[in-house]
Amino acid sequence: MIKATIQNSPYCTEITFPCTETELSKKLGELGMNPEHLAPMATVIEIEPSELSVLEDCDVSLDALNYLGKRLDGLDKLEMKQFLAALSCDEAEIGYGLKKIINLTDNLARYTLIEDTDDLERVGLIHMLNVRGGLSESEYTNSEWLIAEGMKLLESGNGINTEYGKLFINEDIPFEEIFNGTTFPPYINDPDAFVMIEIGYPCKAG
């Protein structure tokens, strides 16, 4: 869930994303904007979670922010921590654009997050599940292999300390652009929805 204070000068309102089209239309009215306007743009004044503060003082597409809210609602607890850890880590080079932040939700396999480094078998299990997306029964129960993979990861020296644990960037997994900035990929809870937009990210000067 995303909570944001949005401004379309001189109007200002608070919006919780994701929200329904009806709710968004109502908020656009509070901002003095035409609810029928395609790809409405407005300025983010404040936003939570704080890792999204890179969007503050920037004009963003409210449709795109709503889509991001839907994507975040679909993450489990570990995936959400992965997302926030990668977003807060300069080395992950996610950048400041809403487009890349949205794409991060589809690229979590590139970022392994380890909260507890004491259990090598669990470290190996979390890492291999993350990069492969799943394991066979024989792999899942192969303690020796999982411990070896966990040790290999920790001894790589590539762990980056974050508020959420150690973050490892899996360089062999490319960051893919699923969202191209103009067409939202179909969302699992709304499979028939395709929205065409143009997104800009102009930050206000000063």
N, C-alpha and C. Protein backbone atom coordinates (compact mmCIF):
# COMPACT_ATOMS: atom_id res chain seq x y z
N MET A 1 0.84 -1.19 0.00
CA MET A 1 0.00 0.00 0.00
C MET A 1 0.88 1.25 0.00
N ILE A 2 0.43 2.24 -0.73
CA ILE A 2 1.13 3.52 -0.82
C ILE A 2 0.20 4.61 -0.33
N LYS A 3 0.72 5.47 0.54
CA LYS A 3 -0.03 6.64 0.98
C LYS A 3 0.71 7.88 0.50
N ALA A 4 0.01 8.74 -0.20
CA ALA A 4 0.67 9.90 -0.79
C ALA A 4 -0.17 11.16 -0.67
N THR A 5 0.51 12.28 -0.46
CA THR A 5 -0.12 13.59 -0.55
C THR A 5 0.19 14.13 -1.93
N ILE A 6 -0.86 14.39 -2.70
CA ILE A 6 -0.72 14.77 -4.11
C ILE A 6 -1.21 16.20 -4.31
N GLN A 7 -0.50 16.94 -5.15
CA GLN A 7 -0.86 18.35 -5.39
C GLN A 7 -1.03 18.64 -6.87
N ASN A 8 -2.09 19.35 -7.16
CA ASN A 8 -2.28 19.97 -8.47
C ASN A 8 -2.63 21.41 -8.15
N SER A 9 -1.59 22.23 -8.04
CA SER A 9 -1.73 23.58 -7.50
C SER A 9 -2.95 24.32 -8.04
N PRO A 10 -3.74 24.92 -7.14
CA PRO A 10 -3.53 25.09 -5.70
C PRO A 10 -4.17 24.01 -4.85
N TYR A 11 -4.64 22.92 -5.48
CA TYR A 11 -5.37 21.90 -4.73
C TYR A 11 -4.42 20.80 -4.25
N CYS A 12 -4.80 20.19 -3.12
CA CYS A 12 -3.98 19.14 -2.53
C CYS A 12 -4.89 18.11 -1.87
N THR A 13 -4.55 16.83 -1.98
CA THR A 13 -5.35 15.79 -1.34
C THR A 13 -4.48 14.59 -1.02
N GLU A 14 -4.97 13.72 -0.14
CA GLU A 14 -4.27 12.50 0.21
C GLU A 14 -4.92 11.33 -0.53
N ILE A 15 -4.10 10.45 -1.08
CA ILE A 15 -4.61 9.30 -1.82
C ILE A 15 -3.91 8.05 -1.33
N THR A 16 -4.66 6.99 -1.12
CA THR A 16 -4.10 5.68 -0.79
C THR A 16 -4.19 4.80 -2.03
N PHE A 17 -3.01 4.29 -2.46
CA PHE A 17 -2.94 3.42 -3.63
C PHE A 17 -2.64 1.99 -3.17
N PRO A 18 -3.27 0.96 -3.78
CA PRO A 18 -4.14 1.09 -4.95
C PRO A 18 -5.55 1.52 -4.55
N CYS A 19 -6.23 2.12 -5.51
CA CYS A 19 -7.60 2.52 -5.31
C CYS A 19 -8.40 2.19 -6.57
N THR A 20 -9.71 2.15 -6.44
CA THR A 20 -10.55 1.84 -7.59
C THR A 20 -10.60 3.03 -8.53
N GLU A 21 -11.08 2.80 -9.76
CA GLU A 21 -11.23 3.89 -10.72
C GLU A 21 -12.20 4.94 -10.19
N THR A 22 -13.23 4.49 -9.48
CA THR A 22 -14.20 5.42 -8.90
C THR A 22 -13.54 6.30 -7.84
N GLU A 23 -12.75 5.66 -6.98
CA GLU A 23 -12.06 6.42 -5.94
C GLU A 23 -11.06 7.40 -6.54
N LEU A 24 -10.33 6.96 -7.57
CA LEU A 24 -9.35 7.83 -8.20
C LEU A 24 -10.04 9.01 -8.87
N SER A 25 -11.17 8.76 -9.52
CA SER A 25 -11.92 9.85 -10.17
C SER A 25 -12.36 10.88 -9.14
N LYS A 26 -12.79 10.42 -7.98
CA LYS A 26 -13.20 11.33 -6.91
C LYS A 26 -12.03 12.19 -6.46
N LYS A 27 -10.86 11.57 -6.31
CA LYS A 27 -9.67 12.31 -5.88
C LYS A 27 -9.23 13.31 -6.95
N LEU A 28 -9.38 12.94 -8.22
CA LEU A 28 -9.05 13.89 -9.29
C LEU A 28 -9.94 15.11 -9.20
N GLY A 29 -11.20 14.89 -8.85
CA GLY A 29 -12.11 16.02 -8.66
C GLY A 29 -11.65 16.92 -7.54
N GLU A 30 -11.15 16.33 -6.45
CA GLU A 30 -10.64 17.12 -5.33
C GLU A 30 -9.41 17.92 -5.73
N LEU A 31 -8.71 17.44 -6.74
CA LEU A 31 -7.51 18.14 -7.22
C LEU A 31 -7.84 19.14 -8.32
N GLY A 32 -9.13 19.29 -8.61
CA GLY A 32 -9.53 20.22 -9.66
C GLY A 32 -9.20 19.73 -11.04
N MET A 33 -9.11 18.37 -11.20
CA MET A 33 -8.77 17.78 -12.49
C MET A 33 -9.99 17.07 -13.05
N ASN A 34 -10.07 17.01 -14.36
CA ASN A 34 -11.16 16.32 -15.04
C ASN A 34 -10.98 14.81 -14.87
N PRO A 35 -11.94 14.13 -14.20
CA PRO A 35 -11.81 12.68 -14.00
C PRO A 35 -11.67 11.90 -15.30
N GLU A 36 -12.08 12.49 -16.43
CA GLU A 36 -11.99 11.80 -17.71
C GLU A 36 -10.63 12.00 -18.37
N HIS A 37 -9.77 12.81 -17.73
CA HIS A 37 -8.47 13.12 -18.31
C HIS A 37 -7.61 11.86 -18.36
N LEU A 38 -7.02 11.58 -19.51
CA LEU A 38 -6.16 10.40 -19.67
C LEU A 38 -4.79 10.65 -19.04
N ALA A 39 -4.29 9.65 -18.34
CA ALA A 39 -2.96 9.71 -17.72
C ALA A 39 -2.76 10.99 -16.93
N PRO A 40 -3.59 11.26 -15.91
CA PRO A 40 -3.45 12.49 -15.13
C PRO A 40 -2.10 12.58 -14.43
N MET A 41 -1.47 13.74 -14.53
CA MET A 41 -0.18 13.99 -13.89
C MET A 41 -0.37 14.95 -12.73
N ALA A 42 0.32 14.70 -11.63
CA ALA A 42 0.27 15.60 -10.48
C ALA A 42 1.58 15.45 -9.70
N THR A 43 1.78 16.33 -8.73
CA THR A 43 3.04 16.37 -7.98
C THR A 43 2.91 15.62 -6.66
N VAL A 44 3.89 14.79 -6.38
CA VAL A 44 3.94 14.08 -5.11
C VAL A 44 4.59 14.99 -4.07
N ILE A 45 3.86 15.30 -3.00
CA ILE A 45 4.39 16.15 -1.92
C ILE A 45 5.02 15.29 -0.83
N GLU A 46 4.29 14.28 -0.39
CA GLU A 46 4.80 13.32 0.59
C GLU A 46 4.34 11.93 0.18
N ILE A 47 5.13 10.89 0.57
CA ILE A 47 4.75 9.53 0.18
C ILE A 47 5.31 8.52 1.16
N GLU A 48 4.55 7.47 1.40
CA GLU A 48 4.98 6.33 2.20
C GLU A 48 4.72 5.06 1.40
N PRO A 49 5.62 4.05 1.49
CA PRO A 49 6.79 3.98 2.36
C PRO A 49 7.88 4.98 1.98
N SER A 50 8.73 5.27 2.95
CA SER A 50 9.73 6.33 2.78
C SER A 50 10.71 6.03 1.65
N GLU A 51 10.89 4.75 1.30
CA GLU A 51 11.80 4.40 0.21
C GLU A 51 11.34 4.98 -1.13
N LEU A 52 10.08 5.36 -1.22
CA LEU A 52 9.56 5.97 -2.44
C LEU A 52 9.72 7.49 -2.44
N SER A 53 10.43 8.01 -1.44
CA SER A 53 10.57 9.47 -1.33
C SER A 53 11.34 10.07 -2.51
N VAL A 54 11.99 9.23 -3.32
CA VAL A 54 12.65 9.74 -4.53
C VAL A 54 11.63 10.37 -5.48
N LEU A 55 10.35 10.05 -5.28
CA LEU A 55 9.30 10.60 -6.14
C LEU A 55 8.76 11.93 -5.63
N GLU A 56 9.17 12.33 -4.43
CA GLU A 56 8.66 13.58 -3.88
C GLU A 56 9.17 14.77 -4.68
N ASP A 57 8.28 15.77 -4.84
CA ASP A 57 8.56 16.98 -5.63
C ASP A 57 8.67 16.68 -7.12
N CYS A 58 8.19 15.51 -7.54
CA CYS A 58 8.19 15.16 -8.96
C CYS A 58 6.76 15.00 -9.47
N ASP A 59 6.56 15.31 -10.73
CA ASP A 59 5.26 15.10 -11.36
C ASP A 59 5.22 13.67 -11.88
N VAL A 60 4.20 12.93 -11.48
CA VAL A 60 4.09 11.53 -11.88
C VAL A 60 2.68 11.24 -12.39
N SER A 61 2.56 10.16 -13.12
CA SER A 61 1.26 9.68 -13.57
C SER A 61 0.55 9.02 -12.40
N LEU A 62 -0.64 9.47 -12.07
CA LEU A 62 -1.40 8.87 -10.98
C LEU A 62 -1.86 7.46 -11.35
N ASP A 63 -2.09 7.22 -12.63
CA ASP A 63 -2.43 5.87 -13.08
C ASP A 63 -1.26 4.92 -12.82
N ALA A 64 -0.04 5.40 -13.08
CA ALA A 64 1.15 4.57 -12.87
C ALA A 64 1.37 4.33 -11.38
N LEU A 65 1.14 5.35 -10.57
CA LEU A 65 1.29 5.20 -9.12
C LEU A 65 0.27 4.20 -8.58
N ASN A 66 -0.93 4.23 -9.15
CA ASN A 66 -1.97 3.29 -8.75
C ASN A 66 -1.58 1.86 -9.17
N TYR A 67 -0.99 1.74 -10.35
CA TYR A 67 -0.54 0.42 -10.81
C TYR A 67 0.55 -0.12 -9.89
N LEU A 68 1.48 0.76 -9.48
CA LEU A 68 2.53 0.34 -8.54
C LEU A 68 1.92 -0.13 -7.24
N GLY A 69 0.89 0.57 -6.77
CA GLY A 69 0.21 0.16 -5.55
C GLY A 69 -0.36 -1.23 -5.67
N LYS A 70 -0.93 -1.56 -6.83
CA LYS A 70 -1.47 -2.90 -7.07
C LYS A 70 -0.34 -3.94 -7.05
N ARG A 71 0.76 -3.59 -7.70
CA ARG A 71 1.88 -4.53 -7.74
C ARG A 71 2.41 -4.81 -6.33
N LEU A 72 2.52 -3.77 -5.50
CA LEU A 72 3.03 -3.95 -4.14
C LEU A 72 2.07 -4.76 -3.30
N ASP A 73 0.79 -4.58 -3.51
CA ASP A 73 -0.20 -5.35 -2.77
C ASP A 73 -0.11 -6.85 -3.09
N GLY A 74 0.45 -7.17 -4.26
CA GLY A 74 0.57 -8.56 -4.67
C GLY A 74 1.84 -9.25 -4.17
N LEU A 75 2.73 -8.48 -3.50
CA LEU A 75 3.97 -9.06 -2.99
C LEU A 75 3.74 -9.69 -1.61
N ASP A 76 4.46 -10.80 -1.33
CA ASP A 76 4.41 -11.33 0.03
C ASP A 76 5.41 -10.55 0.89
N LYS A 77 5.51 -10.90 2.18
CA LYS A 77 6.34 -10.11 3.11
C LYS A 77 7.81 -10.09 2.71
N LEU A 78 8.35 -11.25 2.31
CA LEU A 78 9.75 -11.29 1.92
C LEU A 78 9.98 -10.50 0.65
N GLU A 79 9.09 -10.63 -0.33
CA GLU A 79 9.23 -9.89 -1.58
C GLU A 79 9.15 -8.39 -1.33
N MET A 80 8.29 -7.97 -0.41
CA MET A 80 8.19 -6.55 -0.09
C MET A 80 9.49 -6.04 0.51
N LYS A 81 10.09 -6.86 1.39
CA LYS A 81 11.37 -6.47 1.97
C LYS A 81 12.46 -6.42 0.91
N GLN A 82 12.44 -7.38 -0.02
CA GLN A 82 13.40 -7.36 -1.14
C GLN A 82 13.25 -6.05 -1.92
N PHE A 83 12.01 -5.71 -2.24
CA PHE A 83 11.72 -4.51 -3.01
C PHE A 83 12.25 -3.28 -2.30
N LEU A 84 11.93 -3.14 -1.01
CA LEU A 84 12.35 -1.96 -0.26
C LEU A 84 13.86 -1.91 -0.08
N ALA A 85 14.48 -3.09 0.15
CA ALA A 85 15.93 -3.14 0.31
C ALA A 85 16.63 -2.70 -0.97
N ALA A 86 16.18 -3.23 -2.11
CA ALA A 86 16.79 -2.86 -3.40
C ALA A 86 16.58 -1.38 -3.70
N LEU A 87 15.39 -0.89 -3.37
CA LEU A 87 15.07 0.51 -3.66
C LEU A 87 15.92 1.45 -2.81
N SER A 88 16.27 1.00 -1.59
CA SER A 88 17.03 1.86 -0.68
C SER A 88 18.54 1.73 -0.88
N CYS A 89 18.94 0.80 -1.73
CA CYS A 89 20.37 0.50 -1.91
C CYS A 89 20.91 1.20 -3.16
N ASP A 90 21.83 2.12 -2.97
CA ASP A 90 22.39 2.87 -4.11
C ASP A 90 23.06 1.94 -5.12
N GLU A 91 23.70 0.88 -4.62
CA GLU A 91 24.40 -0.05 -5.50
C GLU A 91 23.46 -0.79 -6.44
N ALA A 92 22.20 -0.89 -6.06
CA ALA A 92 21.22 -1.58 -6.92
C ALA A 92 20.87 -0.74 -8.15
N GLU A 93 21.15 0.57 -8.09
CA GLU A 93 20.99 1.48 -9.22
C GLU A 93 19.57 1.43 -9.82
N ILE A 94 18.57 1.47 -8.94
CA ILE A 94 17.19 1.49 -9.42
C ILE A 94 16.86 2.85 -10.02
N GLY A 95 17.45 3.90 -9.45
CA GLY A 95 17.23 5.23 -10.00
C GLY A 95 15.97 5.89 -9.45
N TYR A 96 15.56 6.96 -10.12
CA TYR A 96 14.51 7.81 -9.58
C TYR A 96 13.20 7.73 -10.34
N GLY A 97 13.17 7.10 -11.49
CA GLY A 97 11.95 7.09 -12.30
C GLY A 97 10.93 6.09 -11.83
N LEU A 98 9.66 6.46 -11.89
CA LEU A 98 8.57 5.57 -11.52
C LEU A 98 8.54 4.34 -12.41
N LYS A 99 8.92 4.51 -13.68
CA LYS A 99 8.96 3.38 -14.61
C LYS A 99 9.87 2.27 -14.10
N LYS A 100 11.08 2.61 -13.66
CA LYS A 100 12.01 1.58 -13.21
C LYS A 100 11.59 1.01 -11.86
N ILE A 101 10.97 1.82 -11.02
CA ILE A 101 10.48 1.33 -9.73
C ILE A 101 9.39 0.29 -9.97
N ILE A 102 8.50 0.55 -10.93
CA ILE A 102 7.47 -0.44 -11.27
C ILE A 102 8.13 -1.71 -11.80
N ASN A 103 9.13 -1.57 -12.65
CA ASN A 103 9.80 -2.75 -13.21
C ASN A 103 10.54 -3.55 -12.14
N LEU A 104 10.97 -2.88 -11.07
CA LEU A 104 11.65 -3.59 -9.98
C LEU A 104 10.77 -4.70 -9.42
N THR A 105 9.46 -4.48 -9.37
CA THR A 105 8.55 -5.49 -8.80
C THR A 105 8.57 -6.78 -9.61
N ASP A 106 9.00 -6.73 -10.87
CA ASP A 106 9.09 -7.92 -11.71
C ASP A 106 10.51 -8.45 -11.82
N ASN A 107 11.44 -7.85 -11.09
CA ASN A 107 12.84 -8.24 -11.20
C ASN A 107 13.47 -8.59 -9.86
N LEU A 108 12.67 -9.06 -8.93
CA LEU A 108 13.18 -9.34 -7.59
C LEU A 108 14.16 -10.51 -7.57
N ALA A 109 14.11 -11.39 -8.57
CA ALA A 109 15.06 -12.51 -8.62
C ALA A 109 16.50 -12.02 -8.72
N ARG A 110 16.69 -10.79 -9.18
CA ARG A 110 18.02 -10.22 -9.30
C ARG A 110 18.60 -9.83 -7.93
N TYR A 111 17.74 -9.78 -6.92
CA TYR A 111 18.17 -9.29 -5.61
C TYR A 111 17.80 -10.31 -4.52
N THR A 112 18.80 -10.97 -3.97
CA THR A 112 18.57 -11.90 -2.86
C THR A 112 18.74 -11.16 -1.54
N LEU A 113 17.75 -11.26 -0.68
CA LEU A 113 17.81 -10.63 0.63
C LEU A 113 17.92 -11.71 1.70
N ILE A 114 18.94 -11.60 2.53
CA ILE A 114 19.16 -12.54 3.63
C ILE A 114 19.04 -11.78 4.94
N GLU A 115 18.03 -12.14 5.72
CA GLU A 115 17.82 -11.46 7.00
C GLU A 115 18.65 -12.09 8.12
N ASP A 116 18.83 -13.41 8.08
CA ASP A 116 19.58 -14.13 9.12
C ASP A 116 20.68 -14.95 8.45
N THR A 117 21.92 -14.61 8.73
CA THR A 117 23.05 -15.28 8.08
C THR A 117 23.57 -16.48 8.87
N ASP A 118 22.96 -16.79 10.01
CA ASP A 118 23.48 -17.86 10.87
C ASP A 118 23.14 -19.26 10.36
N ASP A 119 22.00 -19.42 9.72
CA ASP A 119 21.56 -20.73 9.24
C ASP A 119 21.92 -20.87 7.77
N LEU A 120 23.04 -21.51 7.49
CA LEU A 120 23.54 -21.62 6.12
C LEU A 120 22.57 -22.36 5.21
N GLU A 121 21.91 -23.39 5.73
CA GLU A 121 20.97 -24.14 4.90
C GLU A 121 19.81 -23.26 4.47
N ARG A 122 19.30 -22.45 5.41
CA ARG A 122 18.20 -21.55 5.07
C ARG A 122 18.66 -20.45 4.11
N VAL A 123 19.88 -19.97 4.31
CA VAL A 123 20.44 -18.97 3.39
C VAL A 123 20.46 -19.53 1.97
N GLY A 124 20.95 -20.76 1.85
CA GLY A 124 21.00 -21.41 0.54
C GLY A 124 19.62 -21.62 -0.04
N LEU A 125 18.67 -22.00 0.81
CA LEU A 125 17.30 -22.25 0.35
C LEU A 125 16.66 -20.96 -0.17
N ILE A 126 16.79 -19.88 0.61
CA ILE A 126 16.21 -18.60 0.20
C ILE A 126 16.82 -18.12 -1.12
N HIS A 127 18.15 -18.25 -1.21
CA HIS A 127 18.84 -17.77 -2.41
C HIS A 127 18.44 -18.57 -3.64
N MET A 128 18.45 -19.89 -3.54
CA MET A 128 18.16 -20.71 -4.71
C MET A 128 16.68 -20.61 -5.12
N LEU A 129 15.80 -20.51 -4.14
CA LEU A 129 14.38 -20.30 -4.48
C LEU A 129 14.21 -18.97 -5.19
N ASN A 130 14.97 -17.98 -4.76
CA ASN A 130 14.83 -16.65 -5.35
C ASN A 130 15.32 -16.63 -6.79
N VAL A 131 16.50 -17.17 -7.04
CA VAL A 131 17.07 -17.07 -8.39
C VAL A 131 16.44 -18.05 -9.37
N ARG A 132 15.93 -19.18 -8.85
CA ARG A 132 15.34 -20.19 -9.74
C ARG A 132 13.82 -20.12 -9.82
N GLY A 133 13.21 -19.52 -8.80
CA GLY A 133 11.76 -19.44 -8.78
C GLY A 133 11.11 -20.69 -8.22
N GLY A 134 11.88 -21.74 -8.00
CA GLY A 134 11.36 -22.99 -7.45
C GLY A 134 12.44 -24.05 -7.45
N LEU A 135 12.25 -25.11 -6.64
CA LEU A 135 13.22 -26.20 -6.54
C LEU A 135 12.50 -27.53 -6.64
N SER A 136 13.22 -28.53 -7.12
CA SER A 136 12.67 -29.88 -7.13
C SER A 136 12.69 -30.42 -5.70
N GLU A 137 11.96 -31.49 -5.46
CA GLU A 137 11.91 -32.07 -4.12
C GLU A 137 13.30 -32.52 -3.68
N SER A 138 14.06 -33.09 -4.62
CA SER A 138 15.40 -33.57 -4.28
C SER A 138 16.33 -32.41 -3.91
N GLU A 139 16.18 -31.28 -4.60
CA GLU A 139 16.99 -30.10 -4.28
C GLU A 139 16.57 -29.50 -2.95
N TYR A 140 15.25 -29.45 -2.73
CA TYR A 140 14.70 -28.85 -1.52
C TYR A 140 15.15 -29.59 -0.27
N THR A 141 15.35 -30.90 -0.39
CA THR A 141 15.73 -31.71 0.77
C THR A 141 17.22 -32.01 0.82
N ASN A 142 17.99 -31.45 -0.11
CA ASN A 142 19.44 -31.69 -0.16
C ASN A 142 20.16 -30.67 0.72
N SER A 143 20.24 -30.99 2.01
CA SER A 143 20.83 -30.06 2.98
C SER A 143 22.28 -29.71 2.63
N GLU A 144 23.04 -30.70 2.22
CA GLU A 144 24.46 -30.47 1.91
C GLU A 144 24.61 -29.46 0.78
N TRP A 145 23.79 -29.61 -0.25
CA TRP A 145 23.86 -28.68 -1.40
C TRP A 145 23.41 -27.28 -0.99
N LEU A 146 22.34 -27.19 -0.21
CA LEU A 146 21.85 -25.89 0.22
C LEU A 146 22.85 -25.17 1.12
N ILE A 147 23.49 -25.92 2.01
CA ILE A 147 24.52 -25.32 2.88
C ILE A 147 25.68 -24.80 2.04
N ALA A 148 26.08 -25.57 1.03
CA ALA A 148 27.19 -25.16 0.16
C ALA A 148 26.82 -23.89 -0.60
N GLU A 149 25.58 -23.82 -1.10
CA GLU A 149 25.14 -22.63 -1.83
C GLU A 149 25.04 -21.43 -0.90
N GLY A 150 24.58 -21.66 0.33
CA GLY A 150 24.51 -20.57 1.30
C GLY A 150 25.88 -20.05 1.65
N MET A 151 26.83 -20.95 1.84
CA MET A 151 28.19 -20.56 2.16
C MET A 151 28.82 -19.80 1.01
N LYS A 152 28.58 -20.29 -0.21
CA LYS A 152 29.13 -19.63 -1.39
C LYS A 152 28.63 -18.19 -1.50
N LEU A 153 27.33 -18.01 -1.21
CA LEU A 153 26.75 -16.67 -1.29
C LEU A 153 27.38 -15.74 -0.26
N LEU A 154 27.42 -16.19 0.99
CA LEU A 154 27.94 -15.34 2.06
C LEU A 154 29.43 -15.06 1.90
N GLU A 155 30.18 -16.06 1.40
CA GLU A 155 31.62 -15.88 1.25
C GLU A 155 31.99 -15.10 -0.01
N SER A 156 30.99 -14.78 -0.83
CA SER A 156 31.26 -13.97 -2.03
C SER A 156 31.70 -12.56 -1.66
N GLY A 157 31.33 -12.15 -0.46
CA GLY A 157 31.70 -10.80 -0.01
C GLY A 157 30.91 -9.71 -0.69
N ASN A 158 29.84 -10.08 -1.41
CA ASN A 158 29.06 -9.10 -2.16
C ASN A 158 27.83 -8.60 -1.42
N GLY A 159 27.65 -9.06 -0.19
CA GLY A 159 26.48 -8.63 0.57
C GLY A 159 26.54 -7.16 0.93
N ILE A 160 25.44 -6.48 0.75
CA ILE A 160 25.33 -5.06 1.06
C ILE A 160 24.38 -4.91 2.24
N ASN A 161 24.86 -4.29 3.30
CA ASN A 161 24.02 -4.12 4.48
C ASN A 161 22.92 -3.10 4.22
N THR A 162 21.69 -3.51 4.51
CA THR A 162 20.54 -2.61 4.40
C THR A 162 19.74 -2.72 5.69
N GLU A 163 18.76 -1.87 5.83
CA GLU A 163 17.88 -1.89 7.00
C GLU A 163 17.14 -3.23 7.11
N TYR A 164 17.02 -3.94 5.98
CA TYR A 164 16.22 -5.16 5.93
C TYR A 164 17.04 -6.43 5.98
N GLY A 165 18.36 -6.30 5.94
CA GLY A 165 19.24 -7.46 5.93
C GLY A 165 20.33 -7.27 4.88
N LYS A 166 21.05 -8.36 4.57
CA LYS A 166 22.10 -8.28 3.56
C LYS A 166 21.49 -8.51 2.18
N LEU A 167 21.79 -7.59 1.28
CA LEU A 167 21.27 -7.66 -0.08
C LEU A 167 22.39 -8.08 -1.02
N PHE A 168 22.11 -9.10 -1.83
CA PHE A 168 23.08 -9.58 -2.83
C PHE A 168 22.49 -9.34 -4.21
N ILE A 169 23.26 -8.68 -5.07
CA ILE A 169 22.81 -8.42 -6.43
C ILE A 169 23.30 -9.56 -7.33
N ASN A 170 22.37 -10.30 -7.90
CA ASN A 170 22.71 -11.42 -8.76
C ASN A 170 22.97 -10.91 -10.19
N GLU A 171 24.23 -10.58 -10.45
CA GLU A 171 24.59 -9.91 -11.70
C GLU A 171 24.29 -10.74 -12.94
N ASP A 172 24.21 -12.08 -12.78
CA ASP A 172 23.95 -12.92 -13.94
C ASP A 172 22.48 -12.92 -14.34
N ILE A 173 21.64 -12.29 -13.52
CA ILE A 173 20.22 -12.17 -13.86
C ILE A 173 19.97 -10.73 -14.32
N PRO A 174 19.67 -10.51 -15.59
CA PRO A 174 19.50 -9.14 -16.10
C PRO A 174 18.24 -8.48 -15.57
N PHE A 175 18.28 -7.16 -15.47
CA PHE A 175 17.10 -6.38 -15.09
C PHE A 175 16.28 -6.16 -16.36
N GLU A 176 15.10 -6.77 -16.41
CA GLU A 176 14.28 -6.73 -17.62
C GLU A 176 13.22 -5.63 -17.53
N GLU A 177 12.96 -5.00 -18.67
CA GLU A 177 11.95 -3.95 -18.73
C GLU A 177 10.62 -4.57 -19.15
N ILE A 178 9.80 -4.90 -18.17
CA ILE A 178 8.48 -5.47 -18.43
C ILE A 178 7.50 -4.36 -18.78
N PHE A 179 7.57 -3.28 -18.01
CA PHE A 179 6.73 -2.10 -18.26
C PHE A 179 7.54 -1.11 -19.09
N ASN A 180 7.06 -0.80 -20.29
CA ASN A 180 7.84 0.04 -21.21
C ASN A 180 7.60 1.54 -21.04
N GLY A 181 6.76 1.91 -20.08
CA GLY A 181 6.52 3.33 -19.84
C GLY A 181 5.28 3.85 -20.53
N THR A 182 4.69 3.05 -21.41
CA THR A 182 3.49 3.49 -22.12
C THR A 182 2.31 2.55 -21.95
N THR A 183 2.58 1.25 -21.81
CA THR A 183 1.49 0.27 -21.69
C THR A 183 1.67 -0.56 -20.44
N PHE A 184 0.67 -0.54 -19.55
CA PHE A 184 0.76 -1.37 -18.36
C PHE A 184 0.59 -2.83 -18.74
N PRO A 185 1.48 -3.71 -18.25
CA PRO A 185 1.26 -5.15 -18.44
C PRO A 185 -0.04 -5.55 -17.76
N PRO A 186 -0.72 -6.60 -18.25
CA PRO A 186 -1.95 -7.03 -17.59
C PRO A 186 -1.66 -7.42 -16.16
N TYR A 187 -2.52 -6.95 -15.25
CA TYR A 187 -2.36 -7.26 -13.84
C TYR A 187 -3.20 -8.48 -13.52
N ILE A 188 -2.67 -9.38 -12.69
CA ILE A 188 -3.31 -10.68 -12.46
C ILE A 188 -4.73 -10.56 -11.95
N ASN A 189 -5.03 -9.50 -11.19
CA ASN A 189 -6.39 -9.33 -10.67
C ASN A 189 -7.29 -8.55 -11.61
N ASP A 190 -6.71 -8.13 -12.74
CA ASP A 190 -7.47 -7.36 -13.72
C ASP A 190 -6.94 -7.69 -15.09
N PRO A 191 -7.08 -8.96 -15.53
CA PRO A 191 -6.38 -9.47 -16.71
C PRO A 191 -6.73 -8.80 -18.02
N ASP A 192 -7.86 -8.12 -18.09
CA ASP A 192 -8.26 -7.52 -19.36
C ASP A 192 -7.91 -6.04 -19.45
N ALA A 193 -7.24 -5.53 -18.42
CA ALA A 193 -6.98 -4.09 -18.39
C ALA A 193 -5.65 -3.77 -19.05
N PHE A 194 -5.72 -3.02 -20.16
CA PHE A 194 -4.53 -2.48 -20.79
C PHE A 194 -4.73 -0.97 -20.87
N VAL A 195 -3.78 -0.21 -20.33
CA VAL A 195 -3.93 1.23 -20.30
C VAL A 195 -2.77 1.86 -21.04
N MET A 196 -3.08 2.71 -21.99
CA MET A 196 -2.04 3.43 -22.73
C MET A 196 -1.82 4.77 -22.07
N ILE A 197 -0.55 5.08 -21.73
CA ILE A 197 -0.25 6.35 -21.08
C ILE A 197 1.08 6.88 -21.60
N GLU A 198 1.33 8.10 -21.32
CA GLU A 198 2.64 8.68 -21.53
C GLU A 198 3.09 9.21 -20.17
N ILE A 199 4.24 8.77 -19.72
CA ILE A 199 4.70 9.16 -18.39
C ILE A 199 5.90 10.09 -18.50
N GLY A 200 5.85 11.18 -17.75
CA GLY A 200 7.00 12.06 -17.63
C GLY A 200 7.42 12.12 -16.19
N TYR A 201 8.67 12.49 -15.93
CA TYR A 201 9.14 12.56 -14.57
C TYR A 201 9.84 13.90 -14.29
N PRO A 202 9.24 15.02 -14.71
CA PRO A 202 9.90 16.29 -14.47
C PRO A 202 9.84 16.67 -13.00
N CYS A 203 10.97 16.91 -12.37
CA CYS A 203 11.01 17.35 -10.98
C CYS A 203 10.95 18.87 -10.94
N LYS A 204 10.28 19.36 -9.94
CA LYS A 204 10.14 20.81 -9.80
C LYS A 204 11.49 21.41 -9.40
N ALA A 205 11.82 22.49 -10.01
CA ALA A 205 13.08 23.16 -9.69
C ALA A 205 13.02 23.77 -8.30
N GLY A 206 14.15 23.77 -7.65
CA GLY A 206 14.21 24.38 -6.33
C GLY A 206 13.62 23.49 -5.29
